[in-house]
C-alpha atoms as a PDB file:
ATOM      1  CA  UNK A   1       0.349   0.000   0.047  1.00  0.00           C
ATOM      2  CA  UNK A   2       1.272   3.482  -0.854  1.00  0.00           C
ATOM      3  CA  UNK A   3       0.782   7.258   0.289  1.00  0.00           C
ATOM      4  CA  UNK A   4      -1.081   7.637  -3.286  1.00  0.00           C
ATOM      5  CA  UNK A   5      -3.501   4.453  -3.310  1.00  0.00           C
ATOM      6  CA  UNK A   6      -4.347   4.405   0.463  1.00  0.00           C
ATOM      7  CA  UNK A   7      -6.354   1.673   1.441  1.00  0.00           C
ATOM      8  CA  UNK A   8      -9.526   2.219   4.497  1.00  0.00           C
ATOM      9  CA  UNK A   9      -9.180  -0.190   7.414  1.00  0.00           C
ATOM     10  CA  UNK A  10     -12.361  -0.370   9.212  1.00  0.00           C
ATOM     11  CA  UNK A  11     -12.751  -1.823  12.752  1.00  0.00           C
ATOM     12  CA  UNK A  12     -15.300  -4.388  11.378  1.00  0.00           C
ATOM     13  CA  UNK A  13     -13.023  -5.725   9.179  1.00  0.00           C
ATOM     14  CA  UNK A  14     -10.708  -7.294  12.321  1.00  0.00           C
ATOM     15  CA  UNK A  15     -10.190 -10.713  12.502  1.00  0.00           C
ATOM     16  CA  UNK A  16      -7.787 -12.962  14.930  1.00  0.00           C
ATOM     17  CA  UNK A  17      -4.484 -14.007  13.349  1.00  0.00           C
ATOM     18  CA  UNK A  18      -4.418 -17.501  11.964  1.00  0.00           C
ATOM     19  CA  UNK A  19      -2.286 -18.608  14.435  1.00  0.00           C
ATOM     20  CA  UNK A  20      -0.696 -17.964  17.884  1.00  0.00           C
ATOM     21  CA  UNK A  21       2.881 -17.433  18.192  1.00  0.00           C
ATOM     22  CA  UNK A  22       4.247 -19.626  21.030  1.00  0.00           C
ATOM     23  CA  UNK A  23       7.271 -18.059  21.498  1.00  0.00           C
ATOM     24  CA  UNK A  24       9.908 -16.003  19.533  1.00  0.00           C
ATOM     25  CA  UNK A  25      13.876 -16.334  19.496  1.00  0.00           C
ATOM     26  CA  UNK A  26      15.928 -13.846  17.472  1.00  0.00           C
ATOM     27  CA  UNK A  27      19.671 -13.576  16.546  1.00  0.00           C
ATOM     28  CA  UNK A  28      21.189 -10.257  15.083  1.00  0.00           C
ATOM     29  CA  UNK A  29      24.664 -10.286  13.760  1.00  0.00           C
ATOM     30  CA  UNK A  30      25.350  -6.260  13.334  1.00  0.00           C
ATOM     31  CA  UNK A  31      27.275  -4.964  10.623  1.00  0.00           C
ATOM     32  CA  UNK A  32      26.223  -1.398   9.526  1.00  0.00           C
ATOM     33  CA  UNK A  33      25.533  -2.019   5.785  1.00  0.00           C
ATOM     34  CA  UNK A  34      24.664  -5.907   6.453  1.00  0.00           C
ATOM     35  CA  UNK A  35      23.087  -6.447   9.313  1.00  0.00           C
ATOM     36  CA  UNK A  36      22.048 -10.438   9.524  1.00  0.00           C
ATOM     37  CA  UNK A  37      18.587 -11.260  11.375  1.00  0.00           C
ATOM     38  CA  UNK A  38      18.005 -14.924  12.587  1.00  0.00           C
ATOM     39  CA  UNK A  39      14.363 -15.840  13.141  1.00  0.00           C
ATOM     40  CA  UNK A  40      13.163 -19.076  14.986  1.00  0.00           C
ATOM     41  CA  UNK A  41       9.273 -18.839  15.840  1.00  0.00           C
ATOM     42  CA  UNK A  42       7.121 -21.306  17.225  1.00  0.00           C
ATOM     43  CA  UNK A  43       3.107 -20.776  15.800  1.00  0.00           C
ATOM     44  CA  UNK A  44       0.391 -23.150  16.500  1.00  0.00           C
ATOM     45  CA  UNK A  45      -3.214 -22.751  14.926  1.00  0.00           C
ATOM     46  CA  UNK A  46      -5.568 -19.861  16.708  1.00  0.00           C
ATOM     47  CA  UNK A  47      -8.911 -21.573  17.203  1.00  0.00           C
ATOM     48  CA  UNK A  48     -10.428 -18.415  17.159  1.00  0.00           C
ATOM     49  CA  UNK A  49      -9.340 -17.930  14.103  1.00  0.00           C
ATOM     50  CA  UNK A  50     -11.398 -18.940  10.550  1.00  0.00           C
ATOM     51  CA  UNK A  51      -9.187 -17.066   7.827  1.00  0.00           C
ATOM     52  CA  UNK A  52      -6.904 -19.965   6.445  1.00  0.00           C
ATOM     53  CA  UNK A  53      -4.147 -18.149   4.997  1.00  0.00           C
ATOM     54  CA  UNK A  54      -0.745 -17.447   6.603  1.00  0.00           C
ATOM     55  CA  UNK A  55       0.850 -14.140   6.479  1.00  0.00           C
ATOM     56  CA  UNK A  56       3.719 -12.347   7.430  1.00  0.00           C
ATOM     57  CA  UNK A  57       4.340  -8.298   7.701  1.00  0.00           C
ATOM     58  CA  UNK A  58       7.740  -7.522   6.019  1.00  0.00           C
ATOM     59  CA  UNK A  59       9.460  -4.895   4.041  1.00  0.00           C
ATOM     60  CA  UNK A  60      12.702  -4.187   2.489  1.00  0.00           C
ATOM     61  CA  UNK A  61      14.118  -7.224   3.715  1.00  0.00           C
ATOM     62  CA  UNK A  62      16.848  -9.256   1.747  1.00  0.00           C
ATOM     63  CA  UNK A  63      15.710 -13.199   1.992  1.00  0.00           C
ATOM     64  CA  UNK A  64      18.477 -15.458   2.321  1.00  0.00           C
ATOM     65  CA  UNK A  65      16.305 -18.470   3.354  1.00  0.00           C
ATOM     66  CA  UNK A  66      12.912 -19.522   5.076  1.00  0.00           C
ATOM     67  CA  UNK A  67      12.270 -22.890   6.395  1.00  0.00           C
ATOM     68  CA  UNK A  68       9.095 -24.365   8.095  1.00  0.00           C
ATOM     69  CA  UNK A  69      10.503 -27.654  10.716  1.00  0.00           C
ATOM     70  CA  UNK A  70      13.563 -27.365   9.009  1.00  0.00           C
ATOM     71  CA  UNK A  71      12.793 -27.970   5.592  1.00  0.00           C
ATOM     72  CA  UNK A  72      13.697 -25.002   3.160  1.00  0.00           C
ATOM     73  CA  UNK A  73      10.615 -23.389   1.794  1.00  0.00           C
ATOM     74  CA  UNK A  74       9.915 -20.251  -1.069  1.00  0.00           C
ATOM     75  CA  UNK A  75       7.235 -17.999   0.526  1.00  0.00           C
ATOM     76  CA  UNK A  76       5.082 -16.106  -2.082  1.00  0.00           C
ATOM     77  CA  UNK A  77       5.778 -11.947  -2.302  1.00  0.00           C
ATOM     78  CA  UNK A  78       2.091 -10.551  -1.602  1.00  0.00           C
ATOM     79  CA  UNK A  79       1.421  -7.086  -1.035  1.00  0.00           C
ATOM     80  CA  UNK A  80       3.186  -5.890   2.712  1.00  0.00           C
ATOM     81  CA  UNK A  81       4.778  -9.382   3.038  1.00  0.00           C
ATOM     82  CA  UNK A  82       5.207 -13.031   2.256  1.00  0.00           C
ATOM     83  CA  UNK A  83       2.590 -15.615   2.560  1.00  0.00           C
ATOM     84  CA  UNK A  84       3.254 -19.789   2.541  1.00  0.00           C
ATOM     85  CA  UNK A  85       1.461 -23.005   2.526  1.00  0.00           C
ATOM     86  CA  UNK A  86       1.782 -24.055   6.269  1.00  0.00           C
ATOM     87  CA  UNK A  87       1.104 -27.578   8.301  1.00  0.00           C
ATOM     88  CA  UNK A  88      -2.340 -28.030   9.761  1.00  0.00           C
ATOM     89  CA  UNK A  89      -0.627 -28.021  13.519  1.00  0.00           C
ATOM     90  CA  UNK A  90       2.093 -26.509  15.448  1.00  0.00           C
ATOM     91  CA  UNK A  91       5.325 -26.058  13.436  1.00  0.00           C
ATOM     92  CA  UNK A  92       8.821 -23.865  13.687  1.00  0.00           C
ATOM     93  CA  UNK A  93       9.374 -21.445  11.553  1.00  0.00           C
ATOM     94  CA  UNK A  94      12.820 -20.002  10.817  1.00  0.00           C
ATOM     95  CA  UNK A  95      13.879 -17.225   8.273  1.00  0.00           C
ATOM     96  CA  UNK A  96      17.390 -15.133   7.706  1.00  0.00           C
ATOM     97  CA  UNK A  97      17.060 -11.870   6.606  1.00  0.00           C
ATOM     98  CA  UNK A  98      19.587  -9.019   5.850  1.00  0.00           C
ATOM     99  CA  UNK A  99      18.848  -5.571   6.556  1.00  0.00           C
ATOM    100  CA  UNK A 100      21.062  -1.946   5.930  1.00  0.00           C
ATOM    101  CA  UNK A 101      20.665   0.191   9.415  1.00  0.00           C
ATOM    102  CA  UNK A 102      23.087   2.555   8.284  1.00  0.00           C
ATOM    103  CA  UNK A 103      20.807   2.941   5.129  1.00  0.00           C
ATOM    104  CA  UNK A 104      17.527   3.165   7.037  1.00  0.00           C
ATOM    105  CA  UNK A 105      16.228   7.073   6.643  1.00  0.00           C
ATOM    106  CA  UNK A 106      13.261   6.485   7.947  1.00  0.00           C
ATOM    107  CA  UNK A 107      14.319   5.576  11.473  1.00  0.00           C
ATOM    108  CA  UNK A 108      11.846   2.511  11.838  1.00  0.00           C
ATOM    109  CA  UNK A 109      12.630  -0.735  12.476  1.00  0.00           C
ATOM    110  CA  UNK A 110      16.875  -0.947  13.180  1.00  0.00           C
ATOM    111  CA  UNK A 111      18.503   1.922  12.129  1.00  0.00           C
ATOM    112  CA  UNK A 112      21.627   3.643  12.797  1.00  0.00           C
ATOM    113  CA  UNK A 113      22.985   6.725  13.936  1.00  0.00           C
ATOM    114  CA  UNK A 114      26.409   8.322  15.017  1.00  0.00           C
ATOM    115  CA  UNK A 115      27.757   4.744  15.210  1.00  0.00           C
ATOM    116  CA  UNK A 116      24.909   3.096  17.590  1.00  0.00           C
ATOM    117  CA  UNK A 117      21.852   0.894  16.547  1.00  0.00           C
ATOM    118  CA  UNK A 118      18.498   1.838  17.912  1.00  0.00           C
ATOM    119  CA  UNK A 119      15.254   0.534  16.989  1.00  0.00           C
ATOM    120  CA  UNK A 120      11.445   2.100  16.903  1.00  0.00           C
ATOM    121  CA  UNK A 121       9.038  -0.544  16.286  1.00  0.00           C
ATOM    122  CA  UNK A 122       5.641   1.526  17.383  1.00  0.00           C
ATOM    123  CA  UNK A 123       3.285   1.187  15.251  1.00  0.00           C
ATOM    124  CA  UNK A 124       4.600  -1.058  11.981  1.00  0.00           C
ATOM    125  CA  UNK A 125       8.664  -0.906  12.237  1.00  0.00           C
ATOM    126  CA  UNK A 126       8.963  -3.937  12.886  1.00  0.00           C
ATOM    127  CA  UNK A 127       8.588  -5.528   9.533  1.00  0.00           C
ATOM    128  CA  UNK A 128      11.506  -4.067   8.711  1.00  0.00           C
ATOM    129  CA  UNK A 129      13.722  -6.140  11.085  1.00  0.00           C
ATOM    130  CA  UNK A 130      12.300  -9.550   9.965  1.00  0.00           C
ATOM    131  CA  UNK A 131       9.296 -11.227   8.936  1.00  0.00           C
ATOM    132  CA  UNK A 132       6.193 -11.729  11.704  1.00  0.00           C
ATOM    133  CA  UNK A 133       2.822 -10.743  12.385  1.00  0.00           C
ATOM    134  CA  UNK A 134       3.044  -7.470  13.231  1.00  0.00           C
ATOM    135  CA  UNK A 135      -0.351  -6.706  15.231  1.00  0.00           C
ATOM    136  CA  UNK A 136      -0.651  -5.800  18.720  1.00  0.00           C
ATOM    137  CA  UNK A 137      -3.167  -8.381  19.411  1.00  0.00           C
ATOM    138  CA  UNK A 138      -0.243 -11.398  18.508  1.00  0.00           C
ATOM    139  CA  UNK A 139       2.053 -11.394  21.650  1.00  0.00           C
ATOM    140  CA  UNK A 140       4.671 -13.856  22.370  1.00  0.00           C
ATOM    141  CA  UNK A 141       7.944 -14.064  25.077  1.00  0.00           C
ATOM    142  CA  UNK A 142      10.695 -13.195  23.228  1.00  0.00           C
ATOM    143  CA  UNK A 143      14.355 -14.235  23.486  1.00  0.00           C
ATOM    144  CA  UNK A 144      17.245 -12.066  21.874  1.00  0.00           C
ATOM    145  CA  UNK A 145      20.771 -12.902  20.763  1.00  0.00           C
ATOM    146  CA  UNK A 146      23.056  -9.739  19.636  1.00  0.00           C
ATOM    147  CA  UNK A 147      26.426 -10.244  18.188  1.00  0.00           C
ATOM    148  CA  UNK A 148      28.535  -7.359  17.766  1.00  0.00           C
ATOM    149  CA  UNK A 149      31.969  -5.386  18.114  1.00  0.00           C
ATOM    150  CA  UNK A 150      29.911  -2.601  20.882  1.00  0.00           C
ATOM    151  CA  UNK A 151      30.280  -2.357  24.087  1.00  0.00           C
ATOM    152  CA  UNK A 152      27.177  -2.363  25.344  1.00  0.00           C
ATOM    153  CA  UNK A 153      23.862  -4.365  23.917  1.00  0.00           C
ATOM    154  CA  UNK A 154      20.601  -4.102  25.056  1.00  0.00           C
ATOM    155  CA  UNK A 155      16.950  -5.375  24.683  1.00  0.00           C
ATOM    156  CA  UNK A 156      14.040  -5.918  26.460  1.00  0.00           C
ATOM    157  CA  UNK A 157      13.573  -8.004  29.353  1.00  0.00           C
ATOM    158  CA  UNK A 158      16.009  -9.541  31.617  1.00  0.00           C
ATOM    159  CA  UNK A 159      19.717 -10.256  30.508  1.00  0.00           C
ATOM    160  CA  UNK A 160      20.765 -14.045  30.298  1.00  0.00           C
ATOM    161  CA  UNK A 161      24.110 -14.044  29.876  1.00  0.00           C
ATOM    162  CA  UNK A 162      26.836 -12.416  27.804  1.00  0.00           C
ATOM    163  CA  UNK A 163      30.551 -12.609  26.401  1.00  0.00           C
ATOM    164  CA  UNK A 164      33.025 -11.109  23.873  1.00  0.00           C
ATOM    165  CA  UNK A 165      31.142  -9.918  21.393  1.00  0.00           C
ATOM    166  CA  UNK A 166      27.741 -10.816  22.452  1.00  0.00           C
ATOM    167  CA  UNK A 167      24.313 -11.043  24.599  1.00  0.00           C
ATOM    168  CA  UNK A 168      21.403 -12.351  25.274  1.00  0.00           C
ATOM    169  CA  UNK A 169      18.086 -11.326  26.638  1.00  0.00           C
ATOM    170  CA  UNK A 170      15.101 -12.881  27.947  1.00  0.00           C
ATOM    171  CA  UNK A 171      11.733 -11.342  28.065  1.00  0.00           C
ATOM    172  CA  UNK A 172       8.950 -13.899  29.981  1.00  0.00           C
ATOM    173  CA  UNK A 173       5.738 -11.656  29.229  1.00  0.00           C
ATOM    174  CA  UNK A 174       4.234 -11.841  25.769  1.00  0.00           C
ATOM    175  CA  UNK A 175       4.648  -8.869  24.041  1.00  0.00           C
ATOM    176  CA  UNK A 176       3.464  -7.502  20.598  1.00  0.00           C
ATOM    177  CA  UNK A 177       6.079  -6.864  18.240  1.00  0.00           C
ATOM    178  CA  UNK A 178       5.679  -2.914  18.543  1.00  0.00           C
ATOM    179  CA  UNK A 179       7.068  -3.527  21.934  1.00  0.00           C
ATOM    180  CA  UNK A 180      10.607  -4.968  20.737  1.00  0.00           C
ATOM    181  CA  UNK A 181      13.875  -3.086  21.481  1.00  0.00           C
ATOM    182  CA  UNK A 182      17.417  -3.417  20.835  1.00  0.00           C
ATOM    183  CA  UNK A 183      20.191  -0.845  21.447  1.00  0.00           C
ATOM    184  CA  UNK A 184      24.059  -1.143  20.435  1.00  0.00           C
ATOM    185  CA  UNK A 185      26.475   1.606  21.490  1.00  0.00           C
ATOM    186  CA  UNK A 186      29.514   3.141  23.123  1.00  0.00           C
ATOM    187  CA  UNK A 187      27.313   4.157  26.097  1.00  0.00           C
ATOM    188  CA  UNK A 188      27.506   4.138  29.538  1.00  0.00           C
ATOM    189  CA  UNK A 189      25.541   4.033  32.781  1.00  0.00           C
ATOM    190  CA  UNK A 190      23.798   6.035  36.197  1.00  0.00           C
ATOM    191  CA  UNK A 191      22.579   2.993  38.115  1.00  0.00           C
ATOM    192  CA  UNK A 192      20.793   2.387  40.963  1.00  0.00           C
ATOM    193  CA  UNK A 193      18.502  -0.137  42.805  1.00  0.00           C
ATOM    194  CA  UNK A 194      14.551  -0.195  43.998  1.00  0.00           C
ATOM    195  CA  UNK A 195      13.181  -3.004  45.764  1.00  0.00           C
ATOM    196  CA  UNK A 196       9.323  -3.872  44.863  1.00  0.00           C
ATOM    197  CA  UNK A 197       6.971  -4.098  48.173  1.00  0.00           C
ATOM    198  CA  UNK A 198       7.477  -8.120  47.656  1.00  0.00           C
ATOM    199  CA  UNK A 199      11.331  -7.034  48.427  1.00  0.00           C
ATOM    200  CA  UNK A 200      12.408  -8.215  44.885  1.00  0.00           C
ATOM    201  CA  UNK A 201      15.612  -6.519  44.155  1.00  0.00           C
ATOM    202  CA  UNK A 202      15.256  -4.620  40.972  1.00  0.00           C
ATOM    203  CA  UNK A 203      18.575  -2.999  38.697  1.00  0.00           C
ATOM    204  CA  UNK A 204      17.526   0.417  37.431  1.00  0.00           C
ATOM    205  CA  UNK A 205      19.781   2.080  34.682  1.00  0.00           C
ATOM    206  CA  UNK A 206      20.142   5.335  32.571  1.00  0.00           C
ATOM    207  CA  UNK A 207      22.413   4.628  29.901  1.00  0.00           C
ATOM    208  CA  UNK A 208      24.008   7.495  28.025  1.00  0.00           C
ATOM    209  CA  UNK A 209      26.928   8.733  25.842  1.00  0.00           C
ATOM    210  CA  UNK A 210      29.598   9.678  28.349  1.00  0.00           C
ATOM    211  CA  UNK A 211      29.129  13.937  28.990  1.00  0.00           C
ATOM    212  CA  UNK A 212      25.566  13.128  29.817  1.00  0.00           C
ATOM    213  CA  UNK A 213      25.912  11.096  33.044  1.00  0.00           C
ATOM    214  CA  UNK A 214      26.071  14.014  35.348  1.00  0.00           C
ATOM    215  CA  UNK A 215      22.688  14.994  33.981  1.00  0.00           C
ATOM    216  CA  UNK A 216      20.562  11.695  35.029  1.00  0.00           C
ATOM    217  CA  UNK A 217      20.446  12.264  38.885  1.00  0.00           C
ATOM    218  CA  UNK A 218      16.933  13.599  38.520  1.00  0.00           C
ATOM    219  CA  UNK A 219      15.805  11.231  36.118  1.00  0.00           C
ATOM    220  CA  UNK A 220      17.034   8.355  38.086  1.00  0.00           C
ATOM    221  CA  UNK A 221      14.754  10.041  41.350  1.00  0.00           C
ATOM    222  CA  UNK A 222      11.314  10.493  39.073  1.00  0.00           C
ATOM    223  CA  UNK A 223      11.802   6.610  38.354  1.00  0.00           C
ATOM    224  CA  UNK A 224      12.088   5.541  41.523  1.00  0.00           C
ATOM    225  CA  UNK A 225       9.426   7.807  42.730  1.00  0.00           C
ATOM    226  CA  UNK A 226       7.112   6.648  40.184  1.00  0.00           C
ATOM    227  CA  UNK A 227       7.695   2.680  40.804  1.00  0.00           C
ATOM    228  CA  UNK A 228       6.917   3.568  44.245  1.00  0.00           C
ATOM    229  CA  UNK A 229       3.563   5.601  43.392  1.00  0.00           C
ATOM    230  CA  UNK A 230       2.217   2.811  41.151  1.00  0.00           C
ATOM    231  CA  UNK A 231       2.281   0.198  43.588  1.00  0.00           C
ATOM    232  CA  UNK A 232       1.099   2.742  46.397  1.00  0.00           C
ATOM    233  CA  UNK A 233      -1.989   3.835  44.202  1.00  0.00           C
ATOM    234  CA  UNK A 234      -2.562   1.092  41.630  1.00  0.00           C
ATOM    235  CA  UNK A 235      -0.868  -2.182  43.447  1.00  0.00           C
ATOM    236  CA  UNK A 236       1.152  -2.395  39.898  1.00  0.00           C
ATOM    237  CA  UNK A 237       4.074  -3.792  41.253  1.00  0.00           C
ATOM    238  CA  UNK A 238       7.607  -4.079  38.537  1.00  0.00           C
ATOM    239  CA  UNK A 239       7.808  -7.386  36.733  1.00  0.00           C
ATOM    240  CA  UNK A 240      11.187  -7.601  35.475  1.00  0.00           C
ATOM    241  CA  UNK A 241      14.456  -7.856  37.353  1.00  0.00           C
ATOM    242  CA  UNK A 242      16.056  -4.846  35.692  1.00  0.00           C
ATOM    243  CA  UNK A 243      14.808  -1.669  33.939  1.00  0.00           C
ATOM    244  CA  UNK A 244      16.946   0.234  31.499  1.00  0.00           C
ATOM    245  CA  UNK A 245      16.127   3.249  29.928  1.00  0.00           C
ATOM    246  CA  UNK A 246      18.697   4.329  26.988  1.00  0.00           C
ATOM    247  CA  UNK A 247      18.628   8.732  26.787  1.00  0.00           C
ATOM    248  CA  UNK A 248      20.190   9.743  23.798  1.00  0.00           C
ATOM    249  CA  UNK A 249      19.975  12.674  21.407  1.00  0.00           C
ATOM    250  CA  UNK A 250      19.581  10.335  18.163  1.00  0.00           C
ATOM    251  CA  UNK A 251      16.046   8.630  19.311  1.00  0.00           C
ATOM    252  CA  UNK A 252      13.715  10.343  16.658  1.00  0.00           C
ATOM    253  CA  UNK A 253      10.408  10.050  18.754  1.00  0.00           C
ATOM    254  CA  UNK A 254       9.923  11.668  22.147  1.00  0.00           C
ATOM    255  CA  UNK A 255       9.835   8.468  24.407  1.00  0.00           C
ATOM    256  CA  UNK A 256       8.816   4.816  23.674  1.00  0.00           C
ATOM    257  CA  UNK A 257       7.569   2.242  26.699  1.00  0.00           C
ATOM    258  CA  UNK A 258       9.179  -0.956  25.454  1.00  0.00           C
ATOM    259  CA  UNK A 259       9.172  -3.586  27.894  1.00  0.00           C
ATOM    260  CA  UNK A 260      11.969  -3.059  29.991  1.00  0.00           C
ATOM    261  CA  UNK A 261      13.849  -1.026  27.786  1.00  0.00           C
ATOM    262  CA  UNK A 262      12.460   2.595  27.684  1.00  0.00           C
ATOM    263  CA  UNK A 263      14.172   4.543  24.913  1.00  0.00           C
ATOM    264  CA  UNK A 264      13.687   8.596  25.131  1.00  0.00           C
ATOM    265  CA  UNK A 265      15.509  11.151  23.483  1.00  0.00           C
ATOM    266  CA  UNK A 266      17.496  13.027  25.431  1.00  0.00           C
ATOM    267  CA  UNK A 267      15.546  16.083  26.213  1.00  0.00           C
ATOM    268  CA  UNK A 268      13.208  14.108  27.863  1.00  0.00           C
ATOM    269  CA  UNK A 269      15.156  12.706  30.791  1.00  0.00           C
ATOM    270  CA  UNK A 270      18.490  14.640  31.321  1.00  0.00           C
ATOM    271  CA  UNK A 271      18.944  17.780  33.230  1.00  0.00           C
ATOM    272  CA  UNK A 272      20.910  19.827  35.211  1.00  0.00           C
ATOM    273  CA  UNK A 273      20.192  22.362  37.969  1.00  0.00           C
ATOM    274  CA  UNK A 274      22.460  24.928  36.655  1.00  0.00           C
ATOM    275  CA  UNK A 275      20.850  24.841  33.308  1.00  0.00           C
ATOM    276  CA  UNK A 276      17.492  23.639  33.747  1.00  0.00           C
ATOM    277  CA  UNK A 277      13.967  25.488  34.767  1.00  0.00           C
ATOM    278  CA  UNK A 278      11.343  24.260  36.762  1.00  0.00           C
ATOM    279  CA  UNK A 279       9.159  23.436  33.411  1.00  0.00           C
ATOM    280  CA  UNK A 280      11.924  21.162  32.205  1.00  0.00           C
ATOM    281  CA  UNK A 281      12.159  19.053  35.081  1.00  0.00           C
ATOM    282  CA  UNK A 282       8.181  19.146  35.259  1.00  0.00           C
ATOM    283  CA  UNK A 283       8.361  17.759  31.830  1.00  0.00           C
ATOM    284  CA  UNK A 284      10.910  14.937  32.660  1.00  0.00           C
ATOM    285  CA  UNK A 285       9.114  13.667  35.445  1.00  0.00           C
ATOM    286  CA  UNK A 286       6.136  13.657  33.397  1.00  0.00           C
ATOM    287  CA  UNK A 287       7.511  11.940  30.905  1.00  0.00           C
ATOM    288  CA  UNK A 288       8.980   9.155  32.394  1.00  0.00           C
ATOM    289  CA  UNK A 289       6.369   8.406  34.820  1.00  0.00           C
ATOM    290  CA  UNK A 290       4.016   7.844  31.672  1.00  0.00           C
ATOM    291  CA  UNK A 291       6.790   5.654  29.906  1.00  0.00           C
ATOM    292  CA  UNK A 292       7.023   3.433  33.656  1.00  0.00           C
ATOM    293  CA  UNK A 293       3.377   3.247  34.039  1.00  0.00           C
ATOM    294  CA  UNK A 294       3.168   1.897  30.489  1.00  0.00           C
ATOM    295  CA  UNK A 295       4.860  -1.151  31.957  1.00  0.00           C
ATOM    296  CA  UNK A 296       1.102  -2.207  32.971  1.00  0.00           C
ATOM    297  CA  UNK A 297      -1.091   0.098  30.903  1.00  0.00           C
ATOM    298  CA  UNK A 298       0.053  -0.509  27.531  1.00  0.00           C
ATOM    299  CA  UNK A 299       2.532  -3.229  27.951  1.00  0.00           C
ATOM    300  CA  UNK A 300       1.213  -6.451  29.885  1.00  0.00           C
ATOM    301  CA  UNK A 301      -2.265  -4.850  29.094  1.00  0.00           C
ATOM    302  CA  UNK A 302      -2.499  -3.725  25.431  1.00  0.00           C
ATOM    303  CA  UNK A 303      -4.275  -2.919  22.635  1.00  0.00           C
ATOM    304  CA  UNK A 304      -6.284  -5.475  20.554  1.00  0.00           C
ATOM    305  CA  UNK A 305      -5.751  -3.400  17.150  1.00  0.00           C
ATOM    306  CA  UNK A 306      -4.391   0.475  16.526  1.00  0.00           C
ATOM    307  CA  UNK A 307      -8.560   1.497  16.936  1.00  0.00           C
ATOM    308  CA  UNK A 308      -7.840   1.094  20.642  1.00  0.00           C
ATOM    309  CA  UNK A 309      -4.252   3.242  20.591  1.00  0.00           C
ATOM    310  CA  UNK A 310      -6.630   6.116  22.663  1.00  0.00           C
ATOM    311  CA  UNK A 311      -7.495   3.762  25.490  1.00  0.00           C
ATOM    312  CA  UNK A 312      -4.160   2.630  26.482  1.00  0.00           C
ATOM    313  CA  UNK A 313      -2.371   5.943  25.989  1.00  0.00           C
ATOM    314  CA  UNK A 314      -5.440   8.031  27.480  1.00  0.00           C
ATOM    315  CA  UNK A 315      -5.578   5.857  30.584  1.00  0.00           C
ATOM    316  CA  UNK A 316      -1.529   6.316  31.061  1.00  0.00           C
ATOM    317  CA  UNK A 317      -1.770   9.917  30.555  1.00  0.00           C
ATOM    318  CA  UNK A 318      -4.253  10.206  33.245  1.00  0.00           C
ATOM    319  CA  UNK A 319      -2.338   7.932  35.466  1.00  0.00           C
ATOM    320  CA  UNK A 320       0.870  10.187  34.849  1.00  0.00           C
ATOM    321  CA  UNK A 321      -1.278  13.341  35.418  1.00  0.00           C
ATOM    322  CA  UNK A 322      -2.587  12.042  38.709  1.00  0.00           C
ATOM    323  CA  UNK A 323       1.142  10.811  39.493  1.00  0.00           C
END
């Protein structure tokens, strides 16, 4: 679909996706002009679906191979993605694609800026990363392995393991693809800790470039106060072992609530008493709280379709205004 030939989408046209995604494993082999993304996705038939066509979104992807249950397949290209004949029962989809982050000027999906890799997937940027059913009602747990030569490599969820040139992350909570996040770059962190009401110790970090490290203190304080307030007022306790914020000038949006890895433009997090006004501090506090509160109103409980965007955003704005 092009901007010159728009297609009207009606709420009444909604139908459930043909399959349930049971789990997702992604491997990123980072290279500026030729990043390889390997996906391994477990699909099972969706009993609520009446549409038998298996379809995966994908844009600007160079397909290296596709396999179903270990056997090579040749998907057909249709508008906005690919289709393929699939087994009647549960099956494993594997694919390898090549993308070019350094030439991704749309700043959707995975892109590069000033030597750093960054993602922006809301609303439909994940289809520029790999083939996937990119709908907010398709939710799955993600495991991610990042391979590259940058010192810091982050993704959603909890860190699993890391070594020289690689890092692995696991997000146990099902999420839609628009909440996927990856950041890799030369970053340093302002670290702190938070203890939840049930006694769980959570590692907190605001990741920035070195010159901005001295501007993180207020943002971290706002985050900790937000976490406390959400438990006291709504009974919503944080549900991962780490919470990461990345704050860089290169991020093209104001802020994004990716599960466990919020990404901000630096203007929405960083401040120093020598230069910031009261209005700056108030804005930072509000945005950090808003994106954190999305952990429940928007992430754990999300949209069925994009007609419901106002629900998850409106409720979270209400919560940040209460705070």
